[in-house]
């Protein structure tokens, strides 16, 4: 994939921490090396999965409902997540990143899917 599935801006490749939400941020790579976070895969919404750091998992409900395409004020919070697995040996990985959306491709795919599922 060469373009963002949300805004169609060209994607770039970068090193990322395992968190699909904040892993694109170089600061999070430092946190990974320092062992500051744990990473867990959850079923977040209707079978859609994300791997999130412990901070992003708890903070996920702060996303505005409109961001996900909800028009009824619905929020997706940690209390709705279904545990799938813990990431035992988190590593820096390559992923594509949209500088326009400030998000990893893994998160952008989730975002595009959830917006079209409404």
N, C-alpha and C. Protein backbone atom coordinates (compact mmCIF):
# COMPACT_ATOMS: atom_id res chain seq x y z
N UNK A 1 0.85 -1.17 0.00
CA UNK A 1 0.00 0.00 0.00
C UNK A 1 0.90 1.23 0.00
N UNK A 2 0.65 2.12 -0.91
CA UNK A 2 1.48 3.32 -1.06
C UNK A 2 0.82 4.58 -0.53
N UNK A 3 -0.52 4.55 -0.40
CA UNK A 3 -1.25 5.72 0.06
C UNK A 3 -2.05 5.39 1.31
N UNK A 4 -2.27 6.40 2.14
CA UNK A 4 -3.06 6.26 3.35
C UNK A 4 -4.49 5.85 2.99
N UNK A 5 -5.05 4.83 3.66
CA UNK A 5 -6.42 4.42 3.36
C UNK A 5 -7.47 5.41 3.88
N UNK A 6 -7.04 6.41 4.63
CA UNK A 6 -7.98 7.40 5.18
C UNK A 6 -7.93 8.71 4.39
N UNK A 7 -6.71 9.27 4.19
CA UNK A 7 -6.59 10.58 3.53
C UNK A 7 -5.92 10.51 2.16
N UNK A 8 -5.37 9.35 1.79
CA UNK A 8 -4.72 9.09 0.50
C UNK A 8 -3.38 9.81 0.32
N UNK A 9 -2.83 10.32 1.40
CA UNK A 9 -1.50 10.93 1.37
C UNK A 9 -0.47 9.81 1.19
N UNK A 10 0.66 10.09 0.52
CA UNK A 10 1.70 9.05 0.39
C UNK A 10 2.23 8.63 1.77
N UNK A 11 2.45 7.33 1.91
CA UNK A 11 2.96 6.77 3.15
C UNK A 11 4.48 6.72 3.11
N UNK A 12 5.09 6.75 4.30
CA UNK A 12 6.53 6.56 4.43
C UNK A 12 6.78 5.40 5.37
N UNK A 13 7.94 4.78 5.24
CA UNK A 13 8.31 3.67 6.11
C UNK A 13 9.10 4.22 7.28
N UNK A 14 8.81 3.69 8.47
CA UNK A 14 9.59 4.09 9.64
C UNK A 14 9.60 2.97 10.67
N UNK A 15 10.54 3.06 11.59
CA UNK A 15 10.59 2.13 12.72
C UNK A 15 9.46 2.48 13.68
N UNK A 16 8.84 1.44 14.23
CA UNK A 16 7.71 1.63 15.14
C UNK A 16 7.82 0.69 16.33
N UNK A 17 7.32 1.15 17.45
CA UNK A 17 7.11 0.28 18.60
C UNK A 17 5.84 -0.54 18.32
N UNK A 18 5.58 -1.60 19.08
CA UNK A 18 4.45 -2.48 18.77
C UNK A 18 3.05 -1.86 18.87
N UNK A 19 2.88 -0.76 19.58
CA UNK A 19 1.55 -0.18 19.76
C UNK A 19 1.02 0.36 18.44
N UNK A 20 -0.13 -0.14 18.01
CA UNK A 20 -0.73 0.33 16.76
C UNK A 20 -1.17 1.78 16.83
N UNK A 21 -1.43 2.28 18.03
CA UNK A 21 -1.90 3.66 18.19
C UNK A 21 -0.73 4.65 18.26
N UNK A 22 0.20 4.47 19.17
CA UNK A 22 1.27 5.45 19.37
C UNK A 22 2.64 4.96 18.92
N UNK A 23 2.74 3.75 18.42
CA UNK A 23 4.03 3.15 18.09
C UNK A 23 4.84 3.88 17.04
N UNK A 24 4.20 4.74 16.27
CA UNK A 24 4.89 5.53 15.23
C UNK A 24 5.78 6.61 15.83
N UNK A 25 5.49 7.01 17.05
CA UNK A 25 6.19 8.12 17.71
C UNK A 25 7.57 7.66 18.18
N UNK A 26 8.65 8.32 17.76
CA UNK A 26 9.99 7.94 18.20
C UNK A 26 10.14 7.87 19.72
N UNK A 27 9.39 8.67 20.44
CA UNK A 27 9.43 8.63 21.91
C UNK A 27 8.97 7.26 22.42
N UNK A 28 8.00 6.67 21.74
CA UNK A 28 7.51 5.35 22.15
C UNK A 28 8.57 4.27 21.92
N UNK A 29 9.41 4.44 20.92
CA UNK A 29 10.51 3.50 20.72
C UNK A 29 11.47 3.59 21.91
N UNK A 30 11.72 4.78 22.39
CA UNK A 30 12.54 4.93 23.61
C UNK A 30 11.87 4.25 24.79
N UNK A 31 10.56 4.41 24.92
CA UNK A 31 9.83 3.75 26.01
C UNK A 31 9.95 2.23 25.89
N UNK A 32 9.90 1.71 24.66
CA UNK A 32 10.05 0.28 24.44
C UNK A 32 11.42 -0.19 24.94
N UNK A 33 12.48 0.53 24.55
CA UNK A 33 13.83 0.14 24.96
C UNK A 33 14.02 0.24 26.48
N UNK A 34 13.30 1.16 27.12
CA UNK A 34 13.38 1.32 28.57
C UNK A 34 12.46 0.36 29.32
N UNK A 35 11.62 -0.37 28.59
CA UNK A 35 10.69 -1.32 29.22
C UNK A 35 9.56 -0.64 29.98
N UNK A 36 9.17 0.55 29.55
CA UNK A 36 8.15 1.31 30.28
C UNK A 36 6.72 0.83 30.05
N UNK A 37 6.50 0.09 28.97
CA UNK A 37 5.14 -0.33 28.64
C UNK A 37 5.06 -1.82 28.40
N UNK A 38 3.87 -2.34 28.59
CA UNK A 38 3.54 -3.69 28.15
C UNK A 38 2.64 -3.54 26.93
N UNK A 39 2.57 -4.58 26.11
CA UNK A 39 1.81 -4.53 24.87
C UNK A 39 0.88 -5.73 24.81
N UNK A 40 -0.38 -5.46 24.49
CA UNK A 40 -1.40 -6.49 24.48
C UNK A 40 -2.26 -6.36 23.22
N UNK A 41 -2.62 -7.49 22.65
CA UNK A 41 -3.55 -7.49 21.53
C UNK A 41 -4.95 -7.69 22.07
N UNK A 42 -5.87 -6.85 21.59
CA UNK A 42 -7.27 -6.90 22.00
C UNK A 42 -8.16 -6.97 20.77
N UNK A 43 -9.31 -7.60 20.95
CA UNK A 43 -10.39 -7.41 20.00
C UNK A 43 -11.09 -6.14 20.47
N UNK A 44 -11.02 -5.12 19.67
CA UNK A 44 -11.46 -3.79 20.08
C UNK A 44 -12.92 -3.53 19.70
N UNK A 45 -13.29 -3.97 18.50
CA UNK A 45 -14.65 -3.68 18.03
C UNK A 45 -15.01 -4.64 16.91
N UNK A 46 -16.09 -5.40 17.09
CA UNK A 46 -16.64 -6.29 16.06
C UNK A 46 -15.58 -7.15 15.37
N UNK A 47 -14.73 -7.78 16.15
CA UNK A 47 -13.71 -8.67 15.61
C UNK A 47 -12.44 -7.98 15.15
N UNK A 48 -12.42 -6.65 15.16
CA UNK A 48 -11.23 -5.91 14.74
C UNK A 48 -10.24 -5.86 15.89
N UNK A 49 -8.98 -6.14 15.57
CA UNK A 49 -7.95 -6.23 16.60
C UNK A 49 -6.91 -5.13 16.47
N UNK A 50 -6.40 -4.74 17.63
CA UNK A 50 -5.27 -3.82 17.71
C UNK A 50 -4.33 -4.31 18.78
N UNK A 51 -3.03 -4.06 18.60
CA UNK A 51 -2.06 -4.25 19.66
C UNK A 51 -1.80 -2.87 20.24
N UNK A 52 -1.98 -2.74 21.55
CA UNK A 52 -1.87 -1.44 22.21
C UNK A 52 -0.94 -1.53 23.40
N UNK A 53 -0.23 -0.43 23.67
CA UNK A 53 0.55 -0.35 24.91
C UNK A 53 -0.43 -0.14 26.05
N UNK A 54 0.05 -0.34 27.27
CA UNK A 54 -0.84 -0.21 28.42
C UNK A 54 -1.44 1.19 28.54
N UNK A 55 -0.70 2.22 28.16
CA UNK A 55 -1.23 3.58 28.23
C UNK A 55 -2.36 3.79 27.21
N UNK A 56 -2.11 3.43 25.95
CA UNK A 56 -3.11 3.64 24.90
C UNK A 56 -4.37 2.80 25.13
N UNK A 57 -4.21 1.61 25.69
CA UNK A 57 -5.38 0.78 25.98
C UNK A 57 -6.32 1.49 26.95
N UNK A 58 -5.76 2.04 28.01
CA UNK A 58 -6.57 2.72 29.02
C UNK A 58 -7.11 4.05 28.48
N UNK A 59 -6.34 4.72 27.63
CA UNK A 59 -6.72 6.03 27.11
C UNK A 59 -7.60 5.95 25.86
N UNK A 60 -7.84 4.78 25.32
CA UNK A 60 -8.52 4.63 24.04
C UNK A 60 -9.90 5.29 24.03
N UNK A 61 -10.60 5.26 25.14
CA UNK A 61 -11.93 5.86 25.23
C UNK A 61 -11.94 7.36 25.09
N UNK A 62 -10.77 8.00 25.10
CA UNK A 62 -10.72 9.45 24.96
C UNK A 62 -10.86 9.89 23.50
N UNK A 63 -10.75 8.95 22.56
CA UNK A 63 -10.98 9.30 21.15
C UNK A 63 -12.44 9.75 20.99
N UNK A 64 -12.62 10.85 20.30
CA UNK A 64 -13.97 11.35 20.06
C UNK A 64 -14.75 10.36 19.19
N UNK A 65 -16.03 10.17 19.46
CA UNK A 65 -16.84 9.23 18.68
C UNK A 65 -16.79 9.51 17.17
N UNK A 66 -16.76 10.76 16.77
CA UNK A 66 -16.75 11.14 15.36
C UNK A 66 -15.49 10.65 14.65
N UNK A 67 -14.40 10.52 15.40
CA UNK A 67 -13.14 10.05 14.82
C UNK A 67 -13.31 8.66 14.21
N UNK A 68 -14.13 7.83 14.87
CA UNK A 68 -14.39 6.48 14.38
C UNK A 68 -15.60 6.40 13.46
N UNK A 69 -16.27 7.52 13.25
CA UNK A 69 -17.44 7.54 12.37
C UNK A 69 -18.75 7.32 13.09
N UNK A 70 -18.72 7.31 14.41
CA UNK A 70 -19.95 7.13 15.17
C UNK A 70 -20.73 8.45 15.21
N UNK A 71 -22.01 8.38 14.96
CA UNK A 71 -22.85 9.58 15.00
C UNK A 71 -23.76 9.60 16.22
N UNK A 72 -23.75 8.53 16.99
CA UNK A 72 -24.63 8.42 18.16
C UNK A 72 -23.90 8.66 19.48
N UNK A 73 -22.68 9.17 19.44
CA UNK A 73 -21.92 9.43 20.66
C UNK A 73 -21.26 8.20 21.26
N UNK A 74 -21.34 7.06 20.59
CA UNK A 74 -20.74 5.81 21.11
C UNK A 74 -19.23 5.98 21.25
N UNK A 75 -18.71 5.51 22.36
CA UNK A 75 -17.28 5.51 22.60
C UNK A 75 -16.82 4.07 22.75
N UNK A 76 -15.61 3.81 22.30
CA UNK A 76 -14.99 2.49 22.47
C UNK A 76 -13.94 2.66 23.55
N UNK A 77 -14.17 2.05 24.69
CA UNK A 77 -13.23 2.16 25.79
C UNK A 77 -12.69 0.81 26.21
N UNK A 78 -11.71 0.84 27.07
CA UNK A 78 -11.03 -0.35 27.56
C UNK A 78 -12.02 -1.39 28.10
N UNK A 79 -13.10 -0.92 28.70
CA UNK A 79 -14.09 -1.84 29.28
C UNK A 79 -14.78 -2.70 28.21
N UNK A 80 -14.68 -2.31 26.94
CA UNK A 80 -15.29 -3.07 25.85
C UNK A 80 -14.31 -4.02 25.17
N UNK A 81 -13.03 -3.93 25.51
CA UNK A 81 -12.01 -4.75 24.85
C UNK A 81 -12.10 -6.20 25.30
N UNK A 82 -11.77 -7.10 24.38
CA UNK A 82 -11.63 -8.52 24.68
C UNK A 82 -10.15 -8.87 24.56
N UNK A 83 -9.58 -9.38 25.63
CA UNK A 83 -8.18 -9.79 25.63
C UNK A 83 -7.95 -10.89 24.61
N UNK A 84 -6.87 -10.77 23.82
CA UNK A 84 -6.48 -11.81 22.88
C UNK A 84 -5.16 -12.43 23.34
N UNK A 85 -4.11 -11.59 23.49
CA UNK A 85 -2.82 -12.12 23.94
C UNK A 85 -1.88 -10.98 24.34
N UNK A 86 -0.94 -11.33 25.21
CA UNK A 86 0.13 -10.41 25.56
C UNK A 86 1.27 -10.59 24.58
N UNK A 87 1.97 -9.51 24.29
CA UNK A 87 3.16 -9.58 23.46
C UNK A 87 4.34 -9.83 24.39
N UNK A 88 4.92 -11.00 24.30
CA UNK A 88 5.95 -11.43 25.26
C UNK A 88 7.31 -10.78 25.02
N UNK A 89 7.71 -10.63 23.77
CA UNK A 89 9.01 -10.05 23.46
C UNK A 89 8.84 -8.93 22.45
N UNK A 90 8.39 -7.76 22.92
CA UNK A 90 8.14 -6.66 21.98
C UNK A 90 9.42 -6.19 21.31
N UNK A 91 9.32 -5.92 20.02
CA UNK A 91 10.46 -5.50 19.21
C UNK A 91 10.09 -4.27 18.39
N UNK A 92 11.10 -3.53 17.96
CA UNK A 92 10.89 -2.46 16.99
C UNK A 92 10.61 -3.13 15.65
N UNK A 93 9.59 -2.65 14.95
CA UNK A 93 9.22 -3.20 13.66
C UNK A 93 9.10 -2.08 12.63
N UNK A 94 9.16 -2.43 11.37
CA UNK A 94 8.94 -1.48 10.29
C UNK A 94 7.45 -1.45 9.98
N UNK A 95 6.92 -0.27 9.78
CA UNK A 95 5.55 -0.11 9.33
C UNK A 95 5.49 1.15 8.50
N UNK A 96 4.43 1.29 7.76
CA UNK A 96 4.23 2.53 7.02
C UNK A 96 3.51 3.51 7.92
N UNK A 97 3.70 4.79 7.62
CA UNK A 97 3.21 5.87 8.46
C UNK A 97 2.67 6.98 7.57
N UNK A 98 1.56 7.57 7.96
CA UNK A 98 1.00 8.71 7.24
C UNK A 98 1.34 9.99 8.00
N UNK A 99 2.19 10.84 7.44
CA UNK A 99 2.53 12.09 8.13
C UNK A 99 1.35 13.06 8.20
N UNK A 100 0.38 12.91 7.32
CA UNK A 100 -0.80 13.77 7.34
C UNK A 100 -1.72 13.40 8.51
N UNK A 101 -1.93 12.11 8.71
CA UNK A 101 -2.81 11.62 9.79
C UNK A 101 -2.07 11.37 11.10
N UNK A 102 -0.76 11.35 11.06
CA UNK A 102 0.08 11.00 12.22
C UNK A 102 -0.34 9.65 12.79
N UNK A 103 -0.32 8.63 11.93
CA UNK A 103 -0.74 7.30 12.37
C UNK A 103 -0.02 6.23 11.55
N UNK A 104 0.15 5.08 12.19
CA UNK A 104 0.70 3.90 11.54
C UNK A 104 -0.32 3.31 10.59
N UNK A 105 0.15 2.61 9.58
CA UNK A 105 -0.74 1.96 8.64
C UNK A 105 -1.63 0.94 9.35
N UNK A 106 -1.09 0.21 10.32
CA UNK A 106 -1.90 -0.77 11.04
C UNK A 106 -3.11 -0.11 11.71
N UNK A 107 -2.93 1.07 12.27
CA UNK A 107 -4.04 1.79 12.90
C UNK A 107 -4.96 2.39 11.83
N UNK A 108 -4.39 2.89 10.75
CA UNK A 108 -5.19 3.50 9.68
C UNK A 108 -6.11 2.47 9.02
N UNK A 109 -5.63 1.25 8.86
CA UNK A 109 -6.49 0.19 8.32
C UNK A 109 -7.66 -0.08 9.25
N UNK A 110 -7.38 -0.14 10.56
CA UNK A 110 -8.44 -0.30 11.56
C UNK A 110 -9.44 0.85 11.45
N UNK A 111 -8.92 2.07 11.38
CA UNK A 111 -9.77 3.25 11.32
C UNK A 111 -10.65 3.24 10.06
N UNK A 112 -10.08 2.93 8.93
CA UNK A 112 -10.86 2.86 7.69
C UNK A 112 -11.94 1.78 7.78
N UNK A 113 -11.58 0.65 8.36
CA UNK A 113 -12.54 -0.47 8.49
C UNK A 113 -13.68 -0.10 9.43
N UNK A 114 -13.37 0.51 10.55
CA UNK A 114 -14.42 0.84 11.51
C UNK A 114 -15.34 1.93 10.95
N UNK A 115 -14.79 2.86 10.20
CA UNK A 115 -15.61 3.92 9.60
C UNK A 115 -16.56 3.38 8.56
N UNK A 116 -16.14 2.36 7.82
CA UNK A 116 -17.03 1.79 6.80
C UNK A 116 -18.00 0.77 7.36
N UNK A 117 -17.80 0.34 8.61
CA UNK A 117 -18.69 -0.66 9.21
C UNK A 117 -19.93 -0.03 9.84
N UNK A 118 -20.00 1.27 9.85
CA UNK A 118 -21.14 1.96 10.48
C UNK A 118 -22.39 1.88 9.63
